[in-house]
Amino acid sequence: FLYLNPQKGFNDTIKALAEDAPQYPPMYYLIARFWAQIFGNSVTAIR
């Protein structure tokens, strides 16, 4: 659940925020998803 799934895209990131944490706007999370697509979802990559 912590690594990118090819069946889920940027819209799913926005949907997850809207449903569970609307107090967090999507800018950082969309940038982080783009970053993760290039460098992966490891702890080191995200940090």
All heavy atoms as atom14 arrays in JSON, in Angstrom:
{
  "sequence": "FLYLNPQKGFNDTIKALAEDAPQYPPMYYLIARFWAQIFGNSVTAIR",
  "atom14_mask": [
    [1, 1, 1, 1, 1, 1, 1, 1, 1, 1, 1, 0, 0, 0],
    [1, 1, 1, 1, 1, 1, 1, 1, 0, 0, 0, 0, 0, 0],
    [1, 1, 1, 1, 1, 1, 1, 1, 1, 1, 1, 1, 0, 0],
    [1, 1, 1, 1, 1, 1, 1, 1, 0, 0, 0, 0, 0, 0],
    [1, 1, 1, 1, 1, 1, 1, 1, 0, 0, 0, 0, 0, 0],
    [1, 1, 1, 1, 1, 1, 1, 0, 0, 0, 0, 0, 0, 0],
    [1, 1, 1, 1, 1, 1, 1, 1, 1, 0, 0, 0, 0, 0],
    [1, 1, 1, 1, 1, 1, 1, 1, 1, 0, 0, 0, 0, 0],
    [1, 1, 1, 1, 0, 0, 0, 0, 0, 0, 0, 0, 0, 0],
    [1, 1, 1, 1, 1, 1, 1, 1, 1, 1, 1, 0, 0, 0],
    [1, 1, 1, 1, 1, 1, 1, 1, 0, 0, 0, 0, 0, 0],
    [1, 1, 1, 1, 1, 1, 1, 1, 0, 0, 0, 0, 0, 0],
    [1, 1, 1, 1, 1, 1, 1, 0, 0, 0, 0, 0, 0, 0],
    [1, 1, 1, 1, 1, 1, 1, 1, 0, 0, 0, 0, 0, 0],
    [1, 1, 1, 1, 1, 1, 1, 1, 1, 0, 0, 0, 0, 0],
    [1, 1, 1, 1, 1, 0, 0, 0, 0, 0, 0, 0, 0, 0],
    [1, 1, 1, 1, 1, 1, 1, 1, 0, 0, 0, 0, 0, 0],
    [1, 1, 1, 1, 1, 0, 0, 0, 0, 0, 0, 0, 0, 0],
    [1, 1, 1, 1, 1, 1, 1, 1, 1, 0, 0, 0, 0, 0],
    [1, 1, 1, 1, 1, 1, 1, 1, 0, 0, 0, 0, 0, 0],
    [1, 1, 1, 1, 1, 0, 0, 0, 0, 0, 0, 0, 0, 0],
    [1, 1, 1, 1, 1, 1, 1, 0, 0, 0, 0, 0, 0, 0],
    [1, 1, 1, 1, 1, 1, 1, 1, 1, 0, 0, 0, 0, 0],
    [1, 1, 1, 1, 1, 1, 1, 1, 1, 1, 1, 1, 0, 0],
    [1, 1, 1, 1, 1, 1, 1, 0, 0, 0, 0, 0, 0, 0],
    [1, 1, 1, 1, 1, 1, 1, 0, 0, 0, 0, 0, 0, 0],
    [1, 1, 1, 1, 1, 1, 1, 1, 0, 0, 0, 0, 0, 0],
    [1, 1, 1, 1, 1, 1, 1, 1, 1, 1, 1, 1, 0, 0],
    [1, 1, 1, 1, 1, 1, 1, 1, 1, 1, 1, 1, 0, 0],
    [1, 1, 1, 1, 1, 1, 1, 1, 0, 0, 0, 0, 0, 0],
    [1, 1, 1, 1, 1, 1, 1, 1, 0, 0, 0, 0, 0, 0],
    [1, 1, 1, 1, 1, 0, 0, 0, 0, 0, 0, 0, 0, 0],
    [1, 1, 1, 1, 1, 1, 1, 1, 1, 1, 1, 0, 0, 0],
    [1, 1, 1, 1, 1, 1, 1, 1, 1, 1, 1, 0, 0, 0],
    [1, 1, 1, 1, 1, 1, 1, 1, 1, 1, 1, 1, 1, 1],
    [1, 1, 1, 1, 1, 0, 0, 0, 0, 0, 0, 0, 0, 0],
    [1, 1, 1, 1, 1, 1, 1, 1, 1, 0, 0, 0, 0, 0],
    [1, 1, 1, 1, 1, 1, 1, 1, 0, 0, 0, 0, 0, 0],
    [1, 1, 1, 1, 1, 1, 1, 1, 1, 1, 1, 0, 0, 0],
    [1, 1, 1, 1, 0, 0, 0, 0, 0, 0, 0, 0, 0, 0],
    [1, 1, 1, 1, 1, 1, 1, 1, 0, 0, 0, 0, 0, 0],
    [1, 1, 1, 1, 1, 1, 0, 0, 0, 0, 0, 0, 0, 0],
    [1, 1, 1, 1, 1, 1, 1, 0, 0, 0, 0, 0, 0, 0],
    [1, 1, 1, 1, 1, 1, 1, 0, 0, 0, 0, 0, 0, 0],
    [1, 1, 1, 1, 1, 0, 0, 0, 0, 0, 0, 0, 0, 0],
    [1, 1, 1, 1, 1, 1, 1, 1, 0, 0, 0, 0, 0, 0],
    [1, 1, 1, 1, 1, 1, 1, 1, 1, 1, 1, 0, 0, 0]
  ],
  "atom14_positions": [
    [[0.81, -1.22, 0.0], [0.0, 0.0, 0.0], [0.85, 1.27, 0.0], [0.32, 2.36, -0.19], [-0.93, 0.02, 1.21], [-1.95, -1.07, 1.21], [-1.8, -2.18, 2.04], [-3.05, -1.01, 0.38], [-2.74, -3.2, 2.04], [-4.0, -2.02, 0.37], [-3.83, -3.13, 1.21], [0.0, 0.0, 0.0], [0.0, 0.0, 0.0], [0.0, 0.0, 0.0]],
    [[2.13, 1.13, 0.23], [3.01, 2.29, 0.35], [3.8, 2.57, -0.93], [4.5, 3.58, -1.02], [3.99, 2.1, 1.52], [3.33, 1.91, 2.89], [4.38, 1.6, 3.94], [2.55, 3.15, 3.28], [0.0, 0.0, 0.0], [0.0, 0.0, 0.0], [0.0, 0.0, 0.0], [0.0, 0.0, 0.0], [0.0, 0.0, 0.0], [0.0, 0.0, 0.0]],
    [[3.67, 1.67, -1.9], [4.39, 1.84, -3.16], [3.39, 2.1, -4.29], [2.22, 1.7, -4.21], [5.25, 0.62, -3.46], [6.44, 0.52, -2.54], [6.33, -0.12, -1.3], [7.65, 1.11, -2.87], [7.41, -0.19, -0.44], [8.74, 1.05, -2.01], [8.61, 0.4, -0.8], [9.68, 0.35, 0.06], [0.0, 0.0, 0.0], [0.0, 0.0, 0.0]],
    [[3.86, 2.75, -5.33], [2.97, 3.17, -6.4], [2.38, 1.98, -7.13], [3.08, 1.0, -7.44], [3.72, 4.06, -7.39], [4.28, 5.38, -6.83], [4.86, 6.23, -7.94], [3.21, 6.16, -6.07], [0.0, 0.0, 0.0], [0.0, 0.0, 0.0], [0.0, 0.0, 0.0], [0.0, 0.0, 0.0], [0.0, 0.0, 0.0], [0.0, 0.0, 0.0]],
    [[1.1, 2.09, -7.4], [0.36, 1.08, -8.14], [0.06, 1.64, -9.53], [-0.51, 2.74, -9.64], [-0.94, 0.76, -7.4], [-1.72, -0.37, -8.04], [-1.57, -0.66, -9.23], [-2.56, -1.02, -7.26], [0.0, 0.0, 0.0], [0.0, 0.0, 0.0], [0.0, 0.0, 0.0], [0.0, 0.0, 0.0], [0.0, 0.0, 0.0], [0.0, 0.0, 0.0]],
    [[0.44, 0.93, -10.61], [0.2, 1.47, -11.97], [-1.26, 1.77, -12.24], [-1.58, 2.57, -13.14], [0.73, 0.34, -12.88], [1.7, -0.43, -12.03], [1.16, -0.35, -10.63], [0.0, 0.0, 0.0], [0.0, 0.0, 0.0], [0.0, 0.0, 0.0], [0.0, 0.0, 0.0], [0.0, 0.0, 0.0], [0.0, 0.0, 0.0], [0.0, 0.0, 0.0]],
    [[-2.15, 1.12, -11.5], [-3.58, 1.34, -11.72], [-4.1, 2.6, -11.04], [-5.26, 2.96, -11.23], [-4.35, 0.12, -11.22], [-4.03, -1.16, -11.95], [-4.8, -2.35, -11.42], [-5.43, -2.27, -10.36], [-4.76, -3.47, -12.15], [0.0, 0.0, 0.0], [0.0, 0.0, 0.0], [0.0, 0.0, 0.0], [0.0, 0.0, 0.0], [0.0, 0.0, 0.0]],
    [[-3.26, 3.23, -10.24], [-3.66, 4.45, -9.56], [-2.79, 5.62, -10.03], [-1.58, 5.47, -10.2], [-3.54, 4.3, -8.03], [-4.58, 3.36, -7.43], [-4.48, 3.3, -5.93], [-5.58, 2.44, -5.32], [-6.91, 3.09, -5.45], [0.0, 0.0, 0.0], [0.0, 0.0, 0.0], [0.0, 0.0, 0.0], [0.0, 0.0, 0.0], [0.0, 0.0, 0.0]],
    [[-3.42, 6.77, -10.25], [-2.71, 7.93, -10.76], [-2.84, 9.14, -9.87], [-3.23, 9.05, -8.69], [0.0, 0.0, 0.0], [0.0, 0.0, 0.0], [0.0, 0.0, 0.0], [0.0, 0.0, 0.0], [0.0, 0.0, 0.0], [0.0, 0.0, 0.0], [0.0, 0.0, 0.0], [0.0, 0.0, 0.0], [0.0, 0.0, 0.0], [0.0, 0.0, 0.0]],
    [[-2.57, 10.31, -10.44], [-2.63, 11.56, -9.69], [-4.05, 11.84, -9.18], [-4.22, 12.41, -8.1], [-2.14, 12.72, -10.57], [-0.66, 12.69, -10.83], [-0.16, 12.07, -11.95], [0.23, 13.28, -9.95], [1.2, 12.04, -12.2], [1.59, 13.26, -10.18], [2.08, 12.63, -11.31], [0.0, 0.0, 0.0], [0.0, 0.0, 0.0], [0.0, 0.0, 0.0]],
    [[-5.05, 11.44, -9.95], [-6.43, 11.65, -9.51], [-6.73, 10.88, -8.23], [-7.5, 11.35, -7.38], [-7.41, 11.22, -10.61], [-7.41, 12.18, -11.79], [-7.04, 13.34, -11.65], [-7.81, 11.69, -12.96], [0.0, 0.0, 0.0], [0.0, 0.0, 0.0], [0.0, 0.0, 0.0], [0.0, 0.0, 0.0], [0.0, 0.0, 0.0], [0.0, 0.0, 0.0]],
    [[-6.13, 9.7, -8.09], [-6.35, 8.91, -6.87], [-5.69, 9.56, -5.66], [-6.2, 9.48, -4.54], [-5.8, 7.5, -7.06], [-6.57, 6.72, -8.11], [-7.72, 6.33, -7.85], [-6.02, 6.54, -9.21], [0.0, 0.0, 0.0], [0.0, 0.0, 0.0], [0.0, 0.0, 0.0], [0.0, 0.0, 0.0], [0.0, 0.0, 0.0], [0.0, 0.0, 0.0]],
    [[-4.55, 10.23, -5.89], [-3.92, 10.99, -4.8], [-4.83, 12.11, -4.33], [-5.03, 12.31, -3.13], [-2.57, 11.56, -5.27], [-1.68, 10.49, -5.6], [-1.95, 12.43, -4.2], [0.0, 0.0, 0.0], [0.0, 0.0, 0.0], [0.0, 0.0, 0.0], [0.0, 0.0, 0.0], [0.0, 0.0, 0.0], [0.0, 0.0, 0.0], [0.0, 0.0, 0.0]],
    [[-5.41, 12.83, -5.28], [-6.33, 13.91, -4.93], [-7.57, 13.36, -4.23], [-8.06, 13.91, -3.24], [-6.72, 14.71, -6.19], [-5.49, 15.41, -6.78], [-7.81, 15.73, -5.87], [-5.75, 16.12, -8.08], [0.0, 0.0, 0.0], [0.0, 0.0, 0.0], [0.0, 0.0, 0.0], [0.0, 0.0, 0.0], [0.0, 0.0, 0.0], [0.0, 0.0, 0.0]],
    [[-8.07, 12.23, -4.73], [-9.26, 11.63, -4.13], [-8.99, 11.19, -2.7], [-9.83, 11.39, -1.8], [-9.7, 10.43, -4.97], [-10.93, 9.7, -4.43], [-11.27, 8.5, -5.29], [-12.46, 7.73, -4.69], [-12.79, 6.53, -5.5], [0.0, 0.0, 0.0], [0.0, 0.0, 0.0], [0.0, 0.0, 0.0], [0.0, 0.0, 0.0], [0.0, 0.0, 0.0]],
    [[-7.82, 10.59, -2.45], [-7.48, 10.15, -1.1], [-7.41, 11.33, -0.13], [-7.87, 11.24, 1.01], [-6.15, 9.4, -1.11], [0.0, 0.0, 0.0], [0.0, 0.0, 0.0], [0.0, 0.0, 0.0], [0.0, 0.0, 0.0], [0.0, 0.0, 0.0], [0.0, 0.0, 0.0], [0.0, 0.0, 0.0], [0.0, 0.0, 0.0], [0.0, 0.0, 0.0]],
    [[-6.85, 12.44, -0.58], [-6.8, 13.64, 0.26], [-8.19, 14.19, 0.51], [-8.53, 14.57, 1.64], [-5.92, 14.69, -0.41], [-4.42, 14.44, -0.42], [-3.72, 15.4, -1.39], [-3.84, 14.62, 0.98], [0.0, 0.0, 0.0], [0.0, 0.0, 0.0], [0.0, 0.0, 0.0], [0.0, 0.0, 0.0], [0.0, 0.0, 0.0], [0.0, 0.0, 0.0]],
    [[-8.99, 14.26, -0.53], [-10.33, 14.83, -0.39], [-11.19, 14.03, 0.57], [-11.95, 14.59, 1.36], [-11.0, 14.92, -1.77], [0.0, 0.0, 0.0], [0.0, 0.0, 0.0], [0.0, 0.0, 0.0], [0.0, 0.0, 0.0], [0.0, 0.0, 0.0], [0.0, 0.0, 0.0], [0.0, 0.0, 0.0], [0.0, 0.0, 0.0], [0.0, 0.0, 0.0]],
    [[-11.05, 12.7, 0.55], [-11.89, 11.86, 1.39], [-11.4, 11.78, 2.84], [-12.19, 11.8, 3.77], [-11.96, 10.44, 0.8], [-12.76, 10.35, -0.48], [-12.97, 8.91, -0.92], [-12.68, 7.99, -0.11], [-13.41, 8.7, -2.06], [0.0, 0.0, 0.0], [0.0, 0.0, 0.0], [0.0, 0.0, 0.0], [0.0, 0.0, 0.0], [0.0, 0.0, 0.0]],
    [[-10.09, 11.69, 3.02], [-9.54, 11.41, 4.34], [-8.92, 12.62, 5.04], [-8.92, 12.68, 6.27], [-8.47, 10.31, 4.25], [-9.04, 8.99, 3.79], [-10.22, 8.73, 4.08], [-8.31, 8.22, 3.14], [0.0, 0.0, 0.0], [0.0, 0.0, 0.0], [0.0, 0.0, 0.0], [0.0, 0.0, 0.0], [0.0, 0.0, 0.0], [0.0, 0.0, 0.0]],
    [[-8.38, 13.56, 4.28], [-7.66, 14.68, 4.9], [-7.79, 15.94, 4.05], [-6.8, 16.45, 3.52], [-6.18, 14.33, 5.1], [0.0, 0.0, 0.0], [0.0, 0.0, 0.0], [0.0, 0.0, 0.0], [0.0, 0.0, 0.0], [0.0, 0.0, 0.0], [0.0, 0.0, 0.0], [0.0, 0.0, 0.0], [0.0, 0.0, 0.0], [0.0, 0.0, 0.0]],
    [[-9.01, 16.47, 3.89], [-9.18, 17.66, 3.05], [-8.46, 18.89, 3.58], [-8.3, 19.87, 2.84], [-10.7, 17.86, 3.04], [-11.19, 17.18, 4.29], [-10.28, 16.02, 4.49], [0.0, 0.0, 0.0], [0.0, 0.0, 0.0], [0.0, 0.0, 0.0], [0.0, 0.0, 0.0], [0.0, 0.0, 0.0], [0.0, 0.0, 0.0], [0.0, 0.0, 0.0]],
    [[-8.01, 18.85, 4.86], [-7.27, 20.0, 5.39], [-5.88, 20.1, 4.8], [-5.18, 21.11, 5.0], [-7.19, 19.92, 6.93], [-6.23, 18.87, 7.48], [-6.88, 17.51, 7.65], [-7.87, 17.21, 6.99], [-6.34, 16.71, 8.53], [0.0, 0.0, 0.0], [0.0, 0.0, 0.0], [0.0, 0.0, 0.0], [0.0, 0.0, 0.0], [0.0, 0.0, 0.0]],
    [[-5.45, 19.07, 4.06], [-4.15, 19.1, 3.39], [-4.36, 19.31, 1.89], [-4.77, 18.38, 1.18], [-3.39, 17.79, 3.63], [-2.92, 17.63, 5.05], [-3.58, 16.77, 5.93], [-1.82, 18.34, 5.53], [-3.16, 16.62, 7.24], [-1.4, 18.2, 6.84], [-2.06, 17.34, 7.69], [-1.65, 17.21, 8.99], [0.0, 0.0, 0.0], [0.0, 0.0, 0.0]],
    [[-4.1, 20.51, 1.38], [-4.21, 20.74, -0.07], [-3.23, 19.86, -0.84], [-2.25, 19.35, -0.29], [-3.86, 22.23, -0.2], [-4.13, 22.82, 1.14], [-3.78, 21.73, 2.12], [0.0, 0.0, 0.0], [0.0, 0.0, 0.0], [0.0, 0.0, 0.0], [0.0, 0.0, 0.0], [0.0, 0.0, 0.0], [0.0, 0.0, 0.0], [0.0, 0.0, 0.0]],
    [[-3.45, 19.67, -2.14], [-2.74, 18.6, -2.86], [-1.37, 18.95, -3.43], [-0.72, 18.06, -3.97], [-3.72, 18.28, -3.99], [-4.39, 19.59, -4.28], [-4.54, 20.25, -2.93], [0.0, 0.0, 0.0], [0.0, 0.0, 0.0], [0.0, 0.0, 0.0], [0.0, 0.0, 0.0], [0.0, 0.0, 0.0], [0.0, 0.0, 0.0], [0.0, 0.0, 0.0]],
    [[-0.92, 20.19, -3.34], [0.29, 20.59, -4.05], [1.49, 19.69, -3.71], [2.13, 19.12, -4.6], [0.63, 22.05, -3.73], [1.9, 22.56, -4.42], [1.72, 22.69, -6.21], [0.61, 24.11, -6.29], [0.0, 0.0, 0.0], [0.0, 0.0, 0.0], [0.0, 0.0, 0.0], [0.0, 0.0, 0.0], [0.0, 0.0, 0.0], [0.0, 0.0, 0.0]],
    [[1.81, 19.57, -2.42], [2.97, 18.79, -2.01], [2.82, 17.33, -2.43], [3.78, 16.7, -2.92], [3.17, 18.88, -0.5], [4.05, 17.79, 0.06], [5.42, 17.79, -0.18], [3.51, 16.74, 0.81], [6.23, 16.77, 0.32], [4.31, 15.73, 1.31], [5.67, 15.75, 1.06], [6.46, 14.74, 1.55], [0.0, 0.0, 0.0], [0.0, 0.0, 0.0]],
    [[1.64, 16.77, -2.27], [1.44, 15.35, -2.52], [1.53, 15.02, -4.01], [2.01, 13.94, -4.39], [0.09, 14.92, -1.95], [0.03, 15.11, -0.46], [-0.47, 16.28, 0.09], [0.51, 14.14, 0.41], [-0.5, 16.47, 1.46], [0.47, 14.31, 1.78], [-0.03, 15.49, 2.3], [-0.04, 15.68, 3.65], [0.0, 0.0, 0.0], [0.0, 0.0, 0.0]],
    [[1.1, 15.94, -4.87], [1.24, 15.72, -6.3], [2.71, 15.81, -6.72], [3.18, 15.01, -7.55], [0.41, 16.75, -7.07], [-1.11, 16.64, -6.88], [-1.83, 17.75, -7.63], [-1.61, 15.27, -7.33], [0.0, 0.0, 0.0], [0.0, 0.0, 0.0], [0.0, 0.0, 0.0], [0.0, 0.0, 0.0], [0.0, 0.0, 0.0], [0.0, 0.0, 0.0]],
    [[3.44, 16.76, -6.14], [4.87, 16.86, -6.42], [5.59, 15.61, -5.91], [6.46, 15.05, -6.59], [5.47, 18.13, -5.78], [4.87, 19.38, -6.44], [6.98, 18.15, -5.91], [5.29, 20.68, -5.78], [0.0, 0.0, 0.0], [0.0, 0.0, 0.0], [0.0, 0.0, 0.0], [0.0, 0.0, 0.0], [0.0, 0.0, 0.0], [0.0, 0.0, 0.0]],
    [[5.21, 15.18, -4.71], [5.84, 13.99, -4.13], [5.53, 12.74, -4.95], [6.39, 11.86, -5.09], [5.37, 13.81, -2.68], [0.0, 0.0, 0.0], [0.0, 0.0, 0.0], [0.0, 0.0, 0.0], [0.0, 0.0, 0.0], [0.0, 0.0, 0.0], [0.0, 0.0, 0.0], [0.0, 0.0, 0.0], [0.0, 0.0, 0.0], [0.0, 0.0, 0.0]],
    [[4.32, 12.65, -5.49], [4.0, 11.49, -6.33], [4.84, 11.5, -7.6], [5.35, 10.45, -8.03], [2.51, 11.47, -6.68], [2.17, 10.26, -7.54], [0.72, 10.15, -7.92], [0.53, 9.02, -8.81], [0.31, 7.78, -8.41], [0.21, 7.51, -7.12], [0.17, 6.79, -9.28], [0.0, 0.0, 0.0], [0.0, 0.0, 0.0], [0.0, 0.0, 0.0]],
    [[4.98, 12.66, -8.22], [5.83, 12.76, -9.41], [7.26, 12.36, -9.06], [7.93, 11.64, -9.83], [5.78, 14.19, -9.95], [6.66, 14.43, -11.14], [6.29, 13.96, -12.4], [7.87, 15.09, -11.0], [7.11, 14.17, -13.5], [8.7, 15.3, -12.09], [8.32, 14.83, -13.34], [0.0, 0.0, 0.0], [0.0, 0.0, 0.0], [0.0, 0.0, 0.0]],
    [[7.74, 12.81, -7.91], [9.09, 12.46, -7.44], [9.2, 10.94, -7.24], [10.2, 10.32, -7.63], [9.36, 13.21, -6.15], [10.69, 12.93, -5.5], [10.97, 11.98, -4.57], [11.92, 13.63, -5.74], [12.29, 12.04, -4.2], [12.9, 13.04, -4.9], [12.28, 14.7, -6.56], [14.22, 13.49, -4.87], [13.6, 15.14, -6.53], [14.55, 14.54, -5.71]],
    [[8.18, 10.34, -6.65], [8.2, 8.91, -6.37], [8.17, 8.09, -7.65], [8.74, 6.98, -7.71], [7.02, 8.53, -5.47], [0.0, 0.0, 0.0], [0.0, 0.0, 0.0], [0.0, 0.0, 0.0], [0.0, 0.0, 0.0], [0.0, 0.0, 0.0], [0.0, 0.0, 0.0], [0.0, 0.0, 0.0], [0.0, 0.0, 0.0], [0.0, 0.0, 0.0]],
    [[7.52, 8.59, -8.69], [7.51, 7.88, -9.96], [8.91, 7.79, -10.56], [9.21, 6.84, -11.31], [6.56, 8.57, -10.94], [5.09, 8.36, -10.61], [4.18, 9.05, -11.6], [4.59, 9.95, -12.34], [2.91, 8.65, -11.62], [0.0, 0.0, 0.0], [0.0, 0.0, 0.0], [0.0, 0.0, 0.0], [0.0, 0.0, 0.0], [0.0, 0.0, 0.0]],
    [[9.76, 8.76, -10.22], [11.12, 8.77, -10.76], [12.09, 8.04, -9.84], [12.9, 7.22, -10.29], [11.6, 10.22, -10.98], [10.67, 10.94, -11.97], [13.04, 10.26, -11.47], [10.98, 12.41, -12.12], [0.0, 0.0, 0.0], [0.0, 0.0, 0.0], [0.0, 0.0, 0.0], [0.0, 0.0, 0.0], [0.0, 0.0, 0.0], [0.0, 0.0, 0.0]],
    [[11.99, 8.31, -8.53], [12.99, 7.82, -7.58], [12.47, 6.73, -6.64], [13.23, 6.22, -5.83], [13.54, 8.98, -6.75], [14.21, 10.04, -7.58], [13.54, 11.22, -7.89], [15.49, 9.85, -8.07], [14.15, 12.2, -8.65], [16.1, 10.83, -8.84], [15.43, 12.01, -9.13], [0.0, 0.0, 0.0], [0.0, 0.0, 0.0], [0.0, 0.0, 0.0]],
    [[11.2, 6.42, -6.72], [10.66, 5.37, -5.87], [10.05, 5.89, -4.58], [10.13, 7.08, -4.27], [0.0, 0.0, 0.0], [0.0, 0.0, 0.0], [0.0, 0.0, 0.0], [0.0, 0.0, 0.0], [0.0, 0.0, 0.0], [0.0, 0.0, 0.0], [0.0, 0.0, 0.0], [0.0, 0.0, 0.0], [0.0, 0.0, 0.0], [0.0, 0.0, 0.0]],
    [[9.44, 4.97, -3.83], [8.72, 5.32, -2.6], [9.46, 4.92, -1.33], [8.86, 4.83, -0.27], [7.33, 4.65, -2.58], [6.25, 5.54, -3.13], [6.35, 6.0, -4.25], [5.21, 5.79, -2.35], [0.0, 0.0, 0.0], [0.0, 0.0, 0.0], [0.0, 0.0, 0.0], [0.0, 0.0, 0.0], [0.0, 0.0, 0.0], [0.0, 0.0, 0.0]],
    [[10.74, 4.68, -1.42], [11.49, 4.3, -0.22], [11.54, 5.46, 0.76], [11.27, 6.62, 0.4], [12.92, 3.89, -0.59], [13.65, 4.99, -1.07], [0.0, 0.0, 0.0], [0.0, 0.0, 0.0], [0.0, 0.0, 0.0], [0.0, 0.0, 0.0], [0.0, 0.0, 0.0], [0.0, 0.0, 0.0], [0.0, 0.0, 0.0], [0.0, 0.0, 0.0]],
    [[11.88, 5.17, 2.01], [11.98, 6.21, 3.03], [12.99, 7.27, 2.6], [12.74, 8.48, 2.71], [12.39, 5.59, 4.38], [12.67, 6.68, 5.4], [11.3, 4.65, 4.88], [0.0, 0.0, 0.0], [0.0, 0.0, 0.0], [0.0, 0.0, 0.0], [0.0, 0.0, 0.0], [0.0, 0.0, 0.0], [0.0, 0.0, 0.0], [0.0, 0.0, 0.0]],
    [[14.13, 6.82, 2.11], [15.16, 7.77, 1.68], [14.67, 8.64, 0.53], [14.93, 9.85, 0.51], [16.43, 7.0, 1.25], [16.91, 6.22, 2.34], [17.52, 7.97, 0.81], [0.0, 0.0, 0.0], [0.0, 0.0, 0.0], [0.0, 0.0, 0.0], [0.0, 0.0, 0.0], [0.0, 0.0, 0.0], [0.0, 0.0, 0.0], [0.0, 0.0, 0.0]],
    [[13.97, 8.04, -0.42], [13.49, 8.8, -1.58], [12.49, 9.88, -1.17], [12.59, 11.03, -1.61], [12.85, 7.85, -2.59], [0.0, 0.0, 0.0], [0.0, 0.0, 0.0], [0.0, 0.0, 0.0], [0.0, 0.0, 0.0], [0.0, 0.0, 0.0], [0.0, 0.0, 0.0], [0.0, 0.0, 0.0], [0.0, 0.0, 0.0], [0.0, 0.0, 0.0]],
    [[11.51, 9.51, -0.33], [10.5, 10.48, 0.09], [11.14, 11.6, 0.91], [10.84, 12.79, 0.7], [9.4, 9.78, 0.91], [8.66, 8.75, 0.04], [8.42, 10.81, 1.48], [7.97, 9.36, -1.16], [0.0, 0.0, 0.0], [0.0, 0.0, 0.0], [0.0, 0.0, 0.0], [0.0, 0.0, 0.0], [0.0, 0.0, 0.0], [0.0, 0.0, 0.0]],
    [[12.03, 11.26, 1.82], [12.66, 12.29, 2.64], [13.66, 13.12, 1.86], [13.88, 14.29, 2.19], [13.33, 11.64, 3.85], [12.33, 11.12, 4.89], [13.03, 10.4, 6.03], [12.09, 10.02, 7.08], [12.4, 9.26, 8.13], [13.64, 8.79, 8.25], [11.49, 8.97, 9.04], [0.0, 0.0, 0.0], [0.0, 0.0, 0.0], [0.0, 0.0, 0.0]]
  ]
}
